[in-house]
Amino acid sequence: MNEDRWKTWETEMEVVLLSKAEEWQLLGYDQVTKEDVWQCFLSKLPRLDVPDPVRPHWLAAELFHMKANDYMNWLTLQAYKGPNWFEDDKAISFD
């Protein structure tokens, strides 16, 4: 499925994403946003059995099944990836 369609799904699932973000905020993850929930979901997508065509009820169910542990694992991986400080020849400044 193409990337444009996933962007459309993101806007269509905004209420679900907000709901999941609020749920995780109630569990103590105060910094989570709906964009974080969506990016976390997209990172899980290659491991899911995605139907063709994708239907709204499948997508909503997958989003609602995500756990706070999925979010923490995603955050940890993002922290490990971090920025690429060596992609250019500029000196690194920690000021």
PDB file of N, CA and C in Angstrom:
ATOM      1  N   MET A   1       0.850  -1.178   0.000  1.00  0.00           N
ATOM      2  CA  MET A   1       0.000   0.000   0.000  1.00  0.00           C
ATOM      3  C   MET A   1       0.891   1.234   0.000  1.00  0.00           C
ATOM      4  N   ASN A   2       0.494   2.233  -0.725  1.00  0.00           N
ATOM      5  CA  ASN A   2       1.358   3.394  -0.878  1.00  0.00           C
ATOM      6  C   ASN A   2       1.308   4.326   0.333  1.00  0.00           C
ATOM      7  N   GLU A   3       2.312   5.174   0.399  1.00  0.00           N
ATOM      8  CA  GLU A   3       2.478   6.066   1.543  1.00  0.00           C
ATOM      9  C   GLU A   3       1.374   7.113   1.631  1.00  0.00           C
ATOM     10  N   ASP A   4       0.878   7.579   0.491  1.00  0.00           N
ATOM     11  CA  ASP A   4      -0.191   8.578   0.494  1.00  0.00           C
ATOM     12  C   ASP A   4      -1.454   8.040   1.169  1.00  0.00           C
ATOM     13  N   ARG A   5      -1.729   6.783   0.921  1.00  0.00           N
ATOM     14  CA  ARG A   5      -2.926   6.184   1.537  1.00  0.00           C
ATOM     15  C   ARG A   5      -2.783   6.117   3.054  1.00  0.00           C
ATOM     16  N   TRP A   6      -1.576   5.834   3.551  1.00  0.00           N
ATOM     17  CA  TRP A   6      -1.366   5.787   4.999  1.00  0.00           C
ATOM     18  C   TRP A   6      -1.533   7.174   5.607  1.00  0.00           C
ATOM     19  N   LYS A   7      -1.149   8.224   4.875  1.00  0.00           N
ATOM     20  CA  LYS A   7      -1.359   9.588   5.366  1.00  0.00           C
ATOM     21  C   LYS A   7      -2.859   9.887   5.462  1.00  0.00           C
ATOM     22  N   THR A   8      -3.625   9.389   4.518  1.00  0.00           N
ATOM     23  CA  THR A   8      -5.067   9.557   4.565  1.00  0.00           C
ATOM     24  C   THR A   8      -5.654   8.827   5.768  1.00  0.00           C
ATOM     25  N   TRP A   9      -5.163   7.610   6.009  1.00  0.00           N
ATOM     26  CA  TRP A   9      -5.637   6.852   7.163  1.00  0.00           C
ATOM     27  C   TRP A   9      -5.310   7.578   8.463  1.00  0.00           C
ATOM     28  N   GLU A  10      -4.169   8.232   8.499  1.00  0.00           N
ATOM     29  CA  GLU A  10      -3.792   8.960   9.716  1.00  0.00           C
ATOM     30  C   GLU A  10      -4.828  10.030  10.046  1.00  0.00           C
ATOM     31  N   THR A  11      -5.268  10.775   9.052  1.00  0.00           N
ATOM     32  CA  THR A  11      -6.269  11.816   9.310  1.00  0.00           C
ATOM     33  C   THR A  11      -7.627  11.212   9.639  1.00  0.00           C
ATOM     34  N   GLU A  12      -7.955  10.094   9.009  1.00  0.00           N
ATOM     35  CA  GLU A  12      -9.241   9.456   9.276  1.00  0.00           C
ATOM     36  C   GLU A  12      -9.295   8.817  10.658  1.00  0.00           C
ATOM     37  N   MET A  13      -8.152   8.420  11.180  1.00  0.00           N
ATOM     38  CA  MET A  13      -8.085   7.767  12.486  1.00  0.00           C
ATOM     39  C   MET A  13      -7.694   8.727  13.611  1.00  0.00           C
ATOM     40  N   GLU A  14      -7.830  10.019  13.369  1.00  0.00           N
ATOM     41  CA  GLU A  14      -7.385  11.021  14.354  1.00  0.00           C
ATOM     42  C   GLU A  14      -8.047  10.830  15.717  1.00  0.00           C
ATOM     43  N   VAL A  15      -9.335  10.526  15.747  1.00  0.00           N
ATOM     44  CA  VAL A  15     -10.037  10.339  17.015  1.00  0.00           C
ATOM     45  C   VAL A  15      -9.470   9.138  17.773  1.00  0.00           C
ATOM     46  N   VAL A  16      -9.190   8.067  17.060  1.00  0.00           N
ATOM     47  CA  VAL A  16      -8.623   6.868  17.679  1.00  0.00           C
ATOM     48  C   VAL A  16      -7.220   7.171  18.210  1.00  0.00           C
ATOM     49  N   LEU A  17      -6.436   7.900  17.424  1.00  0.00           N
ATOM     50  CA  LEU A  17      -5.076   8.248  17.846  1.00  0.00           C
ATOM     51  C   LEU A  17      -5.102   9.129  19.089  1.00  0.00           C
ATOM     52  N   LEU A  18      -6.011  10.098  19.122  1.00  0.00           N
ATOM     53  CA  LEU A  18      -6.144  10.952  20.305  1.00  0.00           C
ATOM     54  C   LEU A  18      -6.571  10.142  21.529  1.00  0.00           C
ATOM     55  N   SER A  19      -7.484   9.215  21.326  1.00  0.00           N
ATOM     56  CA  SER A  19      -7.949   8.370  22.416  1.00  0.00           C
ATOM     57  C   SER A  19      -6.802   7.530  22.987  1.00  0.00           C
ATOM     58  N   LYS A  20      -6.007   6.946  22.108  1.00  0.00           N
ATOM     59  CA  LYS A  20      -4.888   6.115  22.557  1.00  0.00           C
ATOM     60  C   LYS A  20      -3.841   6.975  23.262  1.00  0.00           C
ATOM     61  N   ALA A  21      -3.570   8.171  22.740  1.00  0.00           N
ATOM     62  CA  ALA A  21      -2.614   9.076  23.382  1.00  0.00           C
ATOM     63  C   ALA A  21      -3.100   9.470  24.778  1.00  0.00           C
ATOM     64  N   GLU A  22      -4.391   9.765  24.911  1.00  0.00           N
ATOM     65  CA  GLU A  22      -4.953  10.112  26.220  1.00  0.00           C
ATOM     66  C   GLU A  22      -4.873   8.932  27.187  1.00  0.00           C
ATOM     67  N   GLU A  23      -5.111   7.728  26.681  1.00  0.00           N
ATOM     68  CA  GLU A  23      -5.005   6.531  27.521  1.00  0.00           C
ATOM     69  C   GLU A  23      -3.592   6.402  28.089  1.00  0.00           C
ATOM     70  N   TRP A  24      -2.593   6.553  27.220  1.00  0.00           N
ATOM     71  CA  TRP A  24      -1.216   6.432  27.677  1.00  0.00           C
ATOM     72  C   TRP A  24      -0.832   7.578  28.595  1.00  0.00           C
ATOM     73  N   GLN A  25      -1.418   8.758  28.389  1.00  0.00           N
ATOM     74  CA  GLN A  25      -1.158   9.877  29.293  1.00  0.00           C
ATOM     75  C   GLN A  25      -1.714   9.574  30.674  1.00  0.00           C
ATOM     76  N   LEU A  26      -2.869   8.934  30.739  1.00  0.00           N
ATOM     77  CA  LEU A  26      -3.430   8.535  32.029  1.00  0.00           C
ATOM     78  C   LEU A  26      -2.553   7.506  32.734  1.00  0.00           C
ATOM     79  N   LEU A  27      -1.805   6.737  31.963  1.00  0.00           N
ATOM     80  CA  LEU A  27      -0.902   5.741  32.540  1.00  0.00           C
ATOM     81  C   LEU A  27       0.446   6.341  32.943  1.00  0.00           C
ATOM     82  N   GLY A  28       0.601   7.652  32.736  1.00  0.00           N
ATOM     83  CA  GLY A  28       1.814   8.324  33.197  1.00  0.00           C
ATOM     84  C   GLY A  28       2.774   8.751  32.107  1.00  0.00           C
ATOM     85  N   TYR A  29       2.470   8.468  30.859  1.00  0.00           N
ATOM     86  CA  TYR A  29       3.335   8.879  29.752  1.00  0.00           C
ATOM     87  C   TYR A  29       2.867  10.244  29.251  1.00  0.00           C
ATOM     88  N   ASP A  30       3.228  11.293  29.988  1.00  0.00           N
ATOM     89  CA  ASP A  30       2.686  12.626  29.768  1.00  0.00           C
ATOM     90  C   ASP A  30       3.072  13.249  28.432  1.00  0.00           C
ATOM     91  N   GLN A  31       4.177  12.843  27.847  1.00  0.00           N
ATOM     92  CA  GLN A  31       4.675  13.486  26.642  1.00  0.00           C
ATOM     93  C   GLN A  31       4.131  12.890  25.343  1.00  0.00           C
ATOM     94  N   VAL A  32       3.352  11.826  25.414  1.00  0.00           N
ATOM     95  CA  VAL A  32       2.887  11.150  24.201  1.00  0.00           C
ATOM     96  C   VAL A  32       1.898  12.030  23.435  1.00  0.00           C
ATOM     97  N   THR A  33       2.022  12.010  22.106  1.00  0.00           N
ATOM     98  CA  THR A  33       1.120  12.747  21.227  1.00  0.00           C
ATOM     99  C   THR A  33       0.476  11.769  20.252  1.00  0.00           C
ATOM    100  N   LYS A  34      -0.539  12.258  19.535  1.00  0.00           N
ATOM    101  CA  LYS A  34      -1.181  11.390  18.536  1.00  0.00           C
ATOM    102  C   LYS A  34      -0.205  11.042  17.422  1.00  0.00           C
ATOM    103  N   GLU A  35       0.728  11.947  17.125  1.00  0.00           N
ATOM    104  CA  GLU A  35       1.751  11.665  16.113  1.00  0.00           C
ATOM    105  C   GLU A  35       2.676  10.536  16.582  1.00  0.00           C
ATOM    106  N   ASP A  36       2.988  10.521  17.881  1.00  0.00           N
ATOM    107  CA  ASP A  36       3.806   9.439  18.432  1.00  0.00           C
ATOM    108  C   ASP A  36       3.091   8.101  18.300  1.00  0.00           C
ATOM    109  N   VAL A  37       1.801   8.095  18.598  1.00  0.00           N
ATOM    110  CA  VAL A  37       1.012   6.864  18.490  1.00  0.00           C
ATOM    111  C   VAL A  37       1.035   6.367  17.049  1.00  0.00           C
ATOM    112  N   TRP A  38       0.862   7.275  16.094  1.00  0.00           N
ATOM    113  CA  TRP A  38       0.847   6.890  14.684  1.00  0.00           C
ATOM    114  C   TRP A  38       2.210   6.354  14.245  1.00  0.00           C
ATOM    115  N   GLN A  39       3.279   7.036  14.625  1.00  0.00           N
ATOM    116  CA  GLN A  39       4.617   6.570  14.245  1.00  0.00           C
ATOM    117  C   GLN A  39       4.935   5.214  14.885  1.00  0.00           C
ATOM    118  N   CYS A  40       4.496   5.037  16.116  1.00  0.00           N
ATOM    119  CA  CYS A  40       4.671   3.743  16.787  1.00  0.00           C
ATOM    120  C   CYS A  40       3.922   2.653  16.022  1.00  0.00           C
ATOM    121  N   PHE A  41       2.696   2.948  15.597  1.00  0.00           N
ATOM    122  CA  PHE A  41       1.911   1.992  14.819  1.00  0.00           C
ATOM    123  C   PHE A  41       2.596   1.667  13.497  1.00  0.00           C
ATOM    124  N   LEU A  42       3.090   2.694  12.802  1.00  0.00           N
ATOM    125  CA  LEU A  42       3.762   2.466  11.521  1.00  0.00           C
ATOM    126  C   LEU A  42       5.008   1.602  11.681  1.00  0.00           C
ATOM    127  N   SER A  43       5.670   1.727  12.819  1.00  0.00           N
ATOM    128  CA  SER A  43       6.854   0.899  13.040  1.00  0.00           C
ATOM    129  C   SER A  43       6.473  -0.571  13.250  1.00  0.00           C
ATOM    130  N   LYS A  44       5.256  -0.816  13.757  1.00  0.00           N
ATOM    131  CA  LYS A  44       4.770  -2.187  13.948  1.00  0.00           C
ATOM    132  C   LYS A  44       4.213  -2.793  12.666  1.00  0.00           C
ATOM    133  N   LEU A  45       3.889  -1.957  11.710  1.00  0.00           N
ATOM    134  CA  LEU A  45       3.193  -2.386  10.501  1.00  0.00           C
ATOM    135  C   LEU A  45       3.872  -3.542   9.757  1.00  0.00           C
ATOM    136  N   PRO A  46       5.196  -3.551   9.586  1.00  0.00           N
ATOM    137  CA  PRO A  46       5.804  -4.677   8.863  1.00  0.00           C
ATOM    138  C   PRO A  46       5.602  -6.031   9.546  1.00  0.00           C
ATOM    139  N   ARG A  47       5.332  -6.043  10.833  1.00  0.00           N
ATOM    140  CA  ARG A  47       5.143  -7.300  11.568  1.00  0.00           C
ATOM    141  C   ARG A  47       3.680  -7.735  11.610  1.00  0.00           C
ATOM    142  N   LEU A  48       2.790  -6.906  11.083  1.00  0.00           N
ATOM    143  CA  LEU A  48       1.368  -7.218  11.114  1.00  0.00           C
ATOM    144  C   LEU A  48       0.920  -7.866   9.808  1.00  0.00           C
ATOM    145  N   ASP A  49      -0.143  -8.636   9.895  1.00  0.00           N
ATOM    146  CA  ASP A  49      -0.758  -9.226   8.718  1.00  0.00           C
ATOM    147  C   ASP A  49      -1.792  -8.223   8.200  1.00  0.00           C
ATOM    148  N   VAL A  50      -1.363  -7.353   7.304  1.00  0.00           N
ATOM    149  CA  VAL A  50      -2.203  -6.262   6.815  1.00  0.00           C
ATOM    150  C   VAL A  50      -3.111  -6.781   5.710  1.00  0.00           C
ATOM    151  N   PRO A  51      -4.430  -6.637   5.890  1.00  0.00           N
ATOM    152  CA  PRO A  51      -5.349  -7.099   4.844  1.00  0.00           C
ATOM    153  C   PRO A  51      -5.313  -6.155   3.644  1.00  0.00           C
ATOM    154  N   ASP A  52      -5.708  -6.684   2.507  1.00  0.00           N
ATOM    155  CA  ASP A  52      -5.810  -5.856   1.312  1.00  0.00           C
ATOM    156  C   ASP A  52      -7.229  -5.997   0.780  1.00  0.00           C
ATOM    157  N   PRO A  53      -8.031  -5.008   0.800  1.00  0.00           N
ATOM    158  CA  PRO A  53      -7.752  -3.628   1.184  1.00  0.00           C
ATOM    159  C   PRO A  53      -7.837  -3.435   2.698  1.00  0.00           C
ATOM    160  N   VAL A  54      -7.180  -2.390   3.176  1.00  0.00           N
ATOM    161  CA  VAL A  54      -7.246  -2.045   4.597  1.00  0.00           C
ATOM    162  C   VAL A  54      -8.605  -1.423   4.868  1.00  0.00           C
ATOM    163  N   ARG A  55      -9.245  -1.914   5.901  1.00  0.00           N
ATOM    164  CA  ARG A  55     -10.566  -1.399   6.253  1.00  0.00           C
ATOM    165  C   ARG A  55     -10.473  -0.613   7.554  1.00  0.00           C
ATOM    166  N   PRO A  56     -11.335   0.390   7.731  1.00  0.00           N
ATOM    167  CA  PRO A  56     -11.266   1.232   8.933  1.00  0.00           C
ATOM    168  C   PRO A  56     -11.391   0.450  10.238  1.00  0.00           C
ATOM    169  N   HIS A  57     -12.250  -0.557  10.274  1.00  0.00           N
ATOM    170  CA  HIS A  57     -12.425  -1.308  11.517  1.00  0.00           C
ATOM    171  C   HIS A  57     -11.173  -2.103  11.872  1.00  0.00           C
ATOM    172  N   TRP A  58     -10.449  -2.614  10.880  1.00  0.00           N
ATOM    173  CA  TRP A  58      -9.198  -3.325  11.158  1.00  0.00           C
ATOM    174  C   TRP A  58      -8.175  -2.361  11.726  1.00  0.00           C
ATOM    175  N   LEU A  59      -8.049  -1.210  11.103  1.00  0.00           N
ATOM    176  CA  LEU A  59      -7.072  -0.223  11.538  1.00  0.00           C
ATOM    177  C   LEU A  59      -7.374   0.277  12.948  1.00  0.00           C
ATOM    178  N   ALA A  60      -8.646   0.589  13.221  1.00  0.00           N
ATOM    179  CA  ALA A  60      -9.029   1.046  14.557  1.00  0.00           C
ATOM    180  C   ALA A  60      -8.754  -0.038  15.599  1.00  0.00           C
ATOM    181  N   ALA A  61      -9.060  -1.281  15.278  1.00  0.00           N
ATOM    182  CA  ALA A  61      -8.809  -2.379  16.216  1.00  0.00           C
ATOM    183  C   ALA A  61      -7.322  -2.528  16.501  1.00  0.00           C
ATOM    184  N   GLU A  62      -6.484  -2.442  15.477  1.00  0.00           N
ATOM    185  CA  GLU A  62      -5.033  -2.549  15.673  1.00  0.00           C
ATOM    186  C   GLU A  62      -4.507  -1.405  16.531  1.00  0.00           C
ATOM    187  N   LEU A  63      -5.019  -0.207  16.299  1.00  0.00           N
ATOM    188  CA  LEU A  63      -4.584   0.942  17.105  1.00  0.00           C
ATOM    189  C   LEU A  63      -5.014   0.773  18.558  1.00  0.00           C
ATOM    190  N   PHE A  64      -6.245   0.320  18.767  1.00  0.00           N
ATOM    191  CA  PHE A  64      -6.733   0.137  20.139  1.00  0.00           C
ATOM    192  C   PHE A  64      -6.032  -1.024  20.850  1.00  0.00           C
ATOM    193  N   HIS A  65      -5.496  -1.981  20.104  1.00  0.00           N
ATOM    194  CA  HIS A  65      -4.790  -3.109  20.723  1.00  0.00           C
ATOM    195  C   HIS A  65      -3.356  -2.770  21.129  1.00  0.00           C
ATOM    196  N   MET A  66      -2.862  -1.621  20.690  1.00  0.00           N
ATOM    197  CA  MET A  66      -1.503  -1.253  21.056  1.00  0.00           C
ATOM    198  C   MET A  66      -1.417  -1.019  22.558  1.00  0.00           C
ATOM    199  N   LYS A  67      -0.318  -1.457  23.140  1.00  0.00           N
ATOM    200  CA  LYS A  67      -0.093  -1.333  24.578  1.00  0.00           C
ATOM    201  C   LYS A  67       0.936  -0.251  24.855  1.00  0.00           C
ATOM    202  N   ALA A  68       0.950   0.226  26.075  1.00  0.00           N
ATOM    203  CA  ALA A  68       1.943   1.220  26.492  1.00  0.00           C
ATOM    204  C   ALA A  68       3.351   0.646  26.346  1.00  0.00           C
ATOM    205  N   ASN A  69       3.483  -0.655  26.508  1.00  0.00           N
ATOM    206  CA  ASN A  69       4.784  -1.305  26.330  1.00  0.00           C
ATOM    207  C   ASN A  69       5.279  -1.162  24.892  1.00  0.00           C
ATOM    208  N   ASP A  70       4.373  -1.222  23.922  1.00  0.00           N
ATOM    209  CA  ASP A  70       4.753  -0.997  22.520  1.00  0.00           C
ATOM    210  C   ASP A  70       5.336   0.401  22.349  1.00  0.00           C
ATOM    211  N   TYR A  71       4.705   1.362  23.007  1.00  0.00           N
ATOM    212  CA  TYR A  71       5.181   2.752  22.933  1.00  0.00           C
ATOM    213  C   TYR A  71       6.566   2.879  23.567  1.00  0.00           C
ATOM    214  N   MET A  72       6.757   2.259  24.723  1.00  0.00           N
ATOM    215  CA  MET A  72       8.060   2.353  25.391  1.00  0.00           C
ATOM    216  C   MET A  72       9.152   1.671  24.563  1.00  0.00           C
ATOM    217  N   ASN A  73       8.850   0.543  23.966  1.00  0.00           N
ATOM    218  CA  ASN A  73       9.820  -0.121  23.093  1.00  0.00           C
ATOM    219  C   ASN A  73      10.174   0.762  21.900  1.00  0.00           C
ATOM    220  N   TRP A  74       9.173   1.389  21.310  1.00  0.00           N
ATOM    221  CA  TRP A  74       9.400   2.282  20.169  1.00  0.00           C
ATOM    222  C   TRP A  74      10.263   3.466  20.590  1.00  0.00           C
ATOM    223  N   LEU A  75       9.961   4.063  21.758  1.00  0.00           N
ATOM    224  CA  LEU A  75      10.764   5.188  22.245  1.00  0.00           C
ATOM    225  C   LEU A  75      12.211   4.780  22.480  1.00  0.00           C
ATOM    226  N   THR A  76      12.405   3.606  23.030  1.00  0.00           N
ATOM    227  CA  THR A  76      13.764   3.112  23.276  1.00  0.00           C
ATOM    228  C   THR A  76      14.527   2.952  21.978  1.00  0.00           C
ATOM    229  N   LEU A  77      13.888   2.377  20.971  1.00  0.00           N
ATOM    230  CA  LEU A  77      14.547   2.220  19.677  1.00  0.00           C
ATOM    231  C   LEU A  77      14.868   3.567  19.045  1.00  0.00           C
ATOM    232  N   GLN A  78      13.960   4.541  19.200  1.00  0.00           N
ATOM    233  CA  GLN A  78      14.226   5.876  18.661  1.00  0.00           C
ATOM    234  C   GLN A  78      15.415   6.516  19.358  1.00  0.00           C
ATOM    235  N   ALA A  79      15.536   6.289  20.663  1.00  0.00           N
ATOM    236  CA  ALA A  79      16.660   6.845  21.413  1.00  0.00           C
ATOM    237  C   ALA A  79      17.971   6.197  20.974  1.00  0.00           C
ATOM    238  N   TYR A  80      17.940   4.882  20.709  1.00  0.00           N
ATOM    239  CA  TYR A  80      19.146   4.200  20.245  1.00  0.00           C
ATOM    240  C   TYR A  80      19.558   4.679  18.864  1.00  0.00           C
ATOM    241  N   LYS A  81      18.580   4.928  18.011  1.00  0.00           N
ATOM    242  CA  LYS A  81      18.895   5.401  16.664  1.00  0.00           C
ATOM    243  C   LYS A  81      19.500   6.792  16.723  1.00  0.00           C
ATOM    244  N   GLY A  82      18.833   7.694  17.429  1.00  0.00           N
ATOM    245  CA  GLY A  82      19.346   9.049  17.635  1.00  0.00           C
ATOM    246  C   GLY A  82      19.747   9.749  16.346  1.00  0.00           C
ATOM    247  N   PRO A  83      20.252  10.964  16.473  1.00  0.00           N
ATOM    248  CA  PRO A  83      20.690  11.698  15.286  1.00  0.00           C
ATOM    249  C   PRO A  83      22.026  11.174  14.771  1.00  0.00           C
ATOM    250  N   ASN A  84      22.254  11.338  13.496  1.00  0.00           N
ATOM    251  CA  ASN A  84      23.536  10.953  12.906  1.00  0.00           C
ATOM    252  C   ASN A  84      24.463  12.165  12.967  1.00  0.00           C
ATOM    253  N   TRP A  85      25.300  12.202  13.966  1.00  0.00           N
ATOM    254  CA  TRP A  85      26.178  13.343  14.182  1.00  0.00           C
ATOM    255  C   TRP A  85      27.318  13.401  13.179  1.00  0.00           C
ATOM    256  N   PHE A  86      27.533  12.344  12.446  1.00  0.00           N
ATOM    257  CA  PHE A  86      28.686  12.275  11.555  1.00  0.00           C
ATOM    258  C   PHE A  86      28.300  12.343  10.081  1.00  0.00           C
ATOM    259  N   GLU A  87      27.089  12.797   9.780  1.00  0.00           N
ATOM    260  CA  GLU A  87      26.645  12.840   8.378  1.00  0.00           C
ATOM    261  C   GLU A  87      27.293  13.954   7.582  1.00  0.00           C
ATOM    262  N   ASP A  88      27.867  14.942   8.253  1.00  0.00           N
ATOM    263  CA  ASP A  88      28.598  15.994   7.544  1.00  0.00           C
ATOM    264  C   ASP A  88      29.958  16.172   8.213  1.00  0.00           C
ATOM    265  N   ASP A  89      30.746  17.069   7.678  1.00  0.00           N
ATOM    266  CA  ASP A  89      32.109  17.256   8.190  1.00  0.00           C
ATOM    267  C   ASP A  89      32.216  18.360   9.222  1.00  0.00           C
ATOM    268  N   LYS A  90      31.086  18.832   9.728  1.00  0.00           N
ATOM    269  CA  LYS A  90      31.116  19.903  10.719  1.00  0.00           C
ATOM    270  C   LYS A  90      31.534  19.368  12.082  1.00  0.00           C
ATOM    271  N   ALA A  91      32.193  20.231  12.832  1.00  0.00           N
ATOM    272  CA  ALA A  91      32.598  19.867  14.191  1.00  0.00           C
ATOM    273  C   ALA A  91      31.359  19.795  15.077  1.00  0.00           C
ATOM    274  N   ILE A  92      31.364  18.872  16.030  1.00  0.00           N
ATOM    275  CA  ILE A  92      30.259  18.720  16.955  1.00  0.00           C
ATOM    276  C   ILE A  92      30.464  19.686  18.113  1.00  0.00           C
ATOM    277  N   SER A  93      29.428  20.496  18.385  1.00  0.00           N
ATOM    278  CA  SER A  93      29.502  21.467  19.462  1.00  0.00           C
ATOM    279  C   SER A  93      28.474  21.099  20.518  1.00  0.00           C
ATOM    280  N   PHE A  94      28.879  21.034  21.757  1.00  0.00           N
ATOM    281  CA  PHE A  94      27.978  20.685  22.858  1.00  0.00           C
ATOM    282  C   PHE A  94      27.610  21.905  23.685  1.00  0.00           C
ATOM    283  N   ASP A  95      27.725  23.102  23.118  1.00  0.00           N
ATOM    284  CA  ASP A  95      27.410  24.328  23.851  1.00  0.00           C
ATOM    285  C   ASP A  95      25.945  24.514  24.035  1.00  0.00           C
TER     286      ASP A  95
END
